[in-house]
């Protein structure tokens, strides 16, 4: 499935970077890019998108007012808020309005991809299940970054290298613990609803830490593939 993204950003350079980041994930395509909230609302009246990447500080109509209008009009799209504002009041207000993630400028490519993966995981759970059990709801909340069960030996985010997010790392580790045997990057990406690029990035990190082991599989009939399992 290909998800349509609307980028709302008044800075042309930032908008271009956001577009490039979106297009690097094969699951997403940029439907349009708008310079302010008014343009975005006009576009959304005639076009359906799955995800909106929305800046806060814009002329004519800022991101918070735009988000309020989106909710008032019951536009069925998730929102990732992107801004230089990092004060708690602003973050709290946007969270109450139901954003799926919040990115503070300047942000790394890897962090942007994590935000996209949160959307994919959230969307898959809601669309693939007519009813949700407690486990599915817990997974959805965890993928939205609102509730993650910490492990006793969990490390702080500050201790992790750039591009490695604690929540995603725990999600991968939990999957490997619950599913014994060998796994390819593609299998892990599909099961967890993340991109192959991101899955490979995290598997390389876990291998460096000796948390997992890798083995080359030559029996694929084509190009050899790398398989991983818990050490």
Protein backbone atom coordinates (compact mmCIF):
# COMPACT_ATOMS: atom_id res chain seq x y z
CA UNK A 1 0.00 0.00 0.00
CA UNK A 2 1.19 3.53 -0.80
CA UNK A 3 0.33 6.30 1.67
CA UNK A 4 -0.32 9.85 0.44
CA UNK A 5 1.37 12.66 2.37
CA UNK A 6 0.60 16.39 2.44
CA UNK A 7 3.48 18.62 3.54
CA UNK A 8 2.55 21.99 5.05
CA UNK A 9 5.64 24.17 5.46
CA UNK A 10 6.27 27.83 4.62
CA UNK A 11 10.07 27.48 4.29
CA UNK A 12 10.79 26.16 0.74
CA UNK A 13 14.09 24.58 1.77
CA UNK A 14 12.58 22.72 4.73
CA UNK A 15 9.62 21.67 2.59
CA UNK A 16 12.01 20.24 -0.01
CA UNK A 17 13.94 18.32 2.66
CA UNK A 18 10.71 16.93 4.09
CA UNK A 19 9.65 15.82 0.61
CA UNK A 20 12.97 14.06 0.08
CA UNK A 21 12.68 12.32 3.44
CA UNK A 22 9.18 11.12 2.60
CA UNK A 23 10.16 9.88 -0.86
CA UNK A 24 13.04 7.82 0.53
CA UNK A 25 10.45 5.55 2.15
CA UNK A 26 8.86 3.40 -0.60
CA UNK A 27 5.60 3.17 1.33
CA UNK A 28 4.93 6.91 0.97
CA UNK A 29 4.35 9.42 -1.82
CA UNK A 30 4.03 13.21 -1.55
CA UNK A 31 0.58 14.27 -2.75
CA UNK A 32 1.29 18.02 -2.48
CA UNK A 33 3.19 20.70 -0.59
CA UNK A 34 1.41 23.81 0.77
CA UNK A 35 2.95 27.03 2.12
CA UNK A 36 0.39 27.71 4.85
CA UNK A 37 -2.63 26.31 6.65
CA UNK A 38 -5.19 28.02 4.42
CA UNK A 39 -3.69 26.45 1.30
CA UNK A 40 -3.63 23.09 3.06
CA UNK A 41 -7.32 23.24 4.03
CA UNK A 42 -8.27 24.20 0.47
CA UNK A 43 -6.29 21.25 -0.86
CA UNK A 44 -7.83 18.86 1.69
CA UNK A 45 -11.34 19.88 0.70
CA UNK A 46 -10.76 18.36 -2.73
CA UNK A 47 -8.12 15.71 -2.06
CA UNK A 48 -7.74 12.81 0.36
CA UNK A 49 -4.42 12.11 2.07
CA UNK A 50 -3.37 9.62 4.73
CA UNK A 51 -0.80 11.73 6.56
CA UNK A 52 -0.09 15.44 7.05
CA UNK A 53 3.38 16.74 7.97
CA UNK A 54 2.47 20.08 9.53
CA UNK A 55 4.66 23.01 10.63
CA UNK A 56 3.48 25.28 13.46
CA UNK A 57 4.90 28.72 12.58
CA UNK A 58 3.37 29.82 9.25
CA UNK A 59 1.77 33.00 7.87
CA UNK A 60 -2.01 33.47 7.46
CA UNK A 61 -2.88 30.42 9.55
CA UNK A 62 -0.44 28.68 11.89
CA UNK A 63 -0.17 24.95 12.40
CA UNK A 64 -2.17 24.77 15.63
CA UNK A 65 -5.10 26.66 14.12
CA UNK A 66 -4.82 24.50 11.00
CA UNK A 67 -4.88 21.33 13.10
CA UNK A 68 -7.98 22.56 14.94
CA UNK A 69 -9.72 23.16 11.59
CA UNK A 70 -8.68 19.69 10.39
CA UNK A 71 -10.26 18.14 13.46
CA UNK A 72 -13.38 20.31 13.20
CA UNK A 73 -13.88 19.25 9.58
CA UNK A 74 -13.28 15.59 10.60
CA UNK A 75 -10.63 15.16 7.92
CA UNK A 76 -9.50 11.53 8.15
CA UNK A 77 -5.73 12.01 8.20
CA UNK A 78 -3.04 11.53 10.81
CA UNK A 79 -0.72 14.46 11.62
CA UNK A 80 2.99 14.68 12.36
CA UNK A 81 3.80 18.10 13.80
CA UNK A 82 7.14 19.63 12.75
CA UNK A 83 8.38 22.81 14.42
CA UNK A 84 11.18 24.67 16.14
CA UNK A 85 8.91 25.18 19.17
CA UNK A 86 9.85 22.94 22.07
CA UNK A 87 8.02 24.57 24.98
CA UNK A 88 5.82 22.23 26.97
CA UNK A 89 2.64 24.27 26.49
CA UNK A 90 2.86 24.09 22.70
CA UNK A 91 3.65 20.37 22.74
CA UNK A 92 0.81 19.68 25.18
CA UNK A 93 -1.71 21.57 23.05
CA UNK A 94 -0.80 19.69 19.87
CA UNK A 95 -0.85 16.35 21.69
CA UNK A 96 -4.38 17.08 22.91
CA UNK A 97 -5.35 17.69 19.30
CA UNK A 98 -4.22 14.18 18.40
CA UNK A 99 -0.88 14.29 16.57
CA UNK A 100 0.80 10.94 16.04
CA UNK A 101 4.31 12.36 16.53
CA UNK A 102 6.14 15.63 17.19
CA UNK A 103 9.45 16.49 15.51
CA UNK A 104 11.58 19.40 16.70
CA UNK A 105 13.81 21.13 14.13
CA UNK A 106 16.48 20.31 13.24
CA UNK A 107 15.73 16.59 13.15
CA UNK A 108 17.66 13.70 11.64
CA UNK A 109 16.51 11.63 8.68
CA UNK A 110 16.35 8.53 10.92
CA UNK A 111 14.02 10.27 13.39
CA UNK A 112 11.74 11.35 10.56
CA UNK A 113 11.55 7.72 9.39
CA UNK A 114 10.63 6.60 12.91
CA UNK A 115 7.68 9.02 12.78
CA UNK A 116 6.57 7.53 9.45
CA UNK A 117 6.86 4.03 10.92
CA UNK A 118 4.68 5.01 13.88
CA UNK A 119 2.01 6.05 11.40
CA UNK A 120 2.30 2.77 9.46
CA UNK A 121 2.05 0.64 12.61
CA UNK A 122 -0.94 2.65 13.86
CA UNK A 123 -2.69 2.50 10.48
CA UNK A 124 -2.16 -1.24 10.01
CA UNK A 125 -3.61 -2.12 13.40
CA UNK A 126 -6.73 -0.04 12.77
CA UNK A 127 -7.32 -1.25 9.20
CA UNK A 128 -6.45 -4.93 9.59
CA UNK A 129 -8.64 -5.60 12.66
CA UNK A 130 -12.40 -5.16 12.87
CA UNK A 131 -12.12 -5.49 16.64
CA UNK A 132 -9.09 -4.89 18.84
CA UNK A 133 -7.93 -6.96 21.78
CA UNK A 134 -5.83 -5.55 24.61
CA UNK A 135 -2.57 -6.61 22.94
CA UNK A 136 -3.43 -4.82 19.69
CA UNK A 137 -4.40 -1.65 21.56
CA UNK A 138 -1.19 -1.77 23.61
CA UNK A 139 0.88 -2.17 20.42
CA UNK A 140 -0.91 0.75 18.79
CA UNK A 141 -0.35 3.02 21.78
CA UNK A 142 3.29 1.95 21.96
CA UNK A 143 3.80 2.69 18.26
CA UNK A 144 2.37 6.17 18.85
CA UNK A 145 5.00 6.80 21.50
CA UNK A 146 2.57 7.19 24.39
CA UNK A 147 3.16 4.03 26.37
CA UNK A 148 6.14 1.72 26.32
CA UNK A 149 6.79 -0.87 29.00
CA UNK A 150 10.33 -0.36 30.19
CA UNK A 151 12.63 -3.29 30.85
CA UNK A 152 14.76 -3.51 34.02
CA UNK A 153 17.96 -3.35 31.99
CA UNK A 154 16.68 -0.62 29.67
CA UNK A 155 19.11 2.16 28.82
CA UNK A 156 18.42 5.88 28.59
CA UNK A 157 17.82 7.55 25.23
CA UNK A 158 20.85 9.74 25.88
CA UNK A 159 23.07 6.66 25.82
CA UNK A 160 21.92 5.61 22.36
CA UNK A 161 23.66 6.79 19.17
CA UNK A 162 22.05 9.22 16.75
CA UNK A 163 19.26 7.64 14.75
CA UNK A 164 18.48 4.93 17.32
CA UNK A 165 15.22 5.47 19.19
CA UNK A 166 14.59 3.60 22.43
CA UNK A 167 10.96 2.73 21.65
CA UNK A 168 11.80 1.23 18.26
CA UNK A 169 14.78 -0.61 19.72
CA UNK A 170 12.61 -2.17 22.44
CA UNK A 171 9.99 -3.12 19.86
CA UNK A 172 12.57 -5.02 17.79
CA UNK A 173 14.14 -6.68 20.83
CA UNK A 174 10.73 -7.80 22.10
CA UNK A 175 9.88 -9.26 18.70
CA UNK A 176 13.14 -11.24 18.58
CA UNK A 177 12.61 -12.50 22.12
CA UNK A 178 9.10 -13.70 21.34
CA UNK A 179 10.01 -15.25 17.97
CA UNK A 180 12.89 -17.70 18.13
CA UNK A 181 14.95 -18.69 15.11
CA UNK A 182 16.44 -16.75 12.21
CA UNK A 183 14.88 -13.63 10.70
CA UNK A 184 15.70 -11.55 7.65
CA UNK A 185 15.54 -7.76 7.65
CA UNK A 186 12.54 -7.96 5.32
CA UNK A 187 10.67 -10.26 7.71
CA UNK A 188 11.30 -7.96 10.67
CA UNK A 189 10.31 -4.85 8.71
CA UNK A 190 7.04 -6.46 7.56
CA UNK A 191 6.07 -7.82 10.97
CA UNK A 192 6.75 -4.54 12.80
CA UNK A 193 5.50 -2.15 10.11
CA UNK A 194 8.82 -0.35 9.69
CA UNK A 195 10.93 0.29 6.59
CA UNK A 196 13.63 -2.13 5.50
CA UNK A 197 16.21 0.67 5.71
CA UNK A 198 15.32 1.33 9.34
CA UNK A 199 15.19 -2.37 10.24
CA UNK A 200 18.67 -2.88 8.79
CA UNK A 201 19.98 0.15 10.70
CA UNK A 202 18.74 -1.26 14.01
CA UNK A 203 19.94 -4.81 13.28
CA UNK A 204 23.44 -3.49 12.57
CA UNK A 205 23.38 -1.68 15.91
CA UNK A 206 22.18 -4.79 17.81
CA UNK A 207 24.85 -6.90 16.12
CA UNK A 208 27.56 -4.42 17.14
CA UNK A 209 26.34 -4.72 20.74
CA UNK A 210 26.41 -8.55 20.50
CA UNK A 211 22.71 -8.68 21.30
CA UNK A 212 22.04 -10.59 18.08
CA UNK A 213 24.12 -12.78 15.78
CA UNK A 214 24.12 -12.78 11.98
CA UNK A 215 24.49 -15.58 9.45
CA UNK A 216 24.64 -15.45 5.65
CA UNK A 217 22.02 -17.66 3.98
CA UNK A 218 23.23 -19.00 0.63
CA UNK A 219 20.22 -21.23 0.06
CA UNK A 220 17.89 -18.61 -1.37
CA UNK A 221 18.41 -19.58 -5.00
CA UNK A 222 19.42 -16.01 -5.73
CA UNK A 223 21.46 -13.40 -3.91
CA UNK A 224 22.61 -14.51 -0.43
CA UNK A 225 20.69 -12.89 2.41
CA UNK A 226 21.67 -12.07 5.98
CA UNK A 227 19.66 -13.70 8.78
CA UNK A 228 19.60 -12.64 12.42
CA UNK A 229 18.58 -14.13 15.78
CA UNK A 230 19.06 -13.38 19.47
CA UNK A 231 22.58 -14.12 20.70
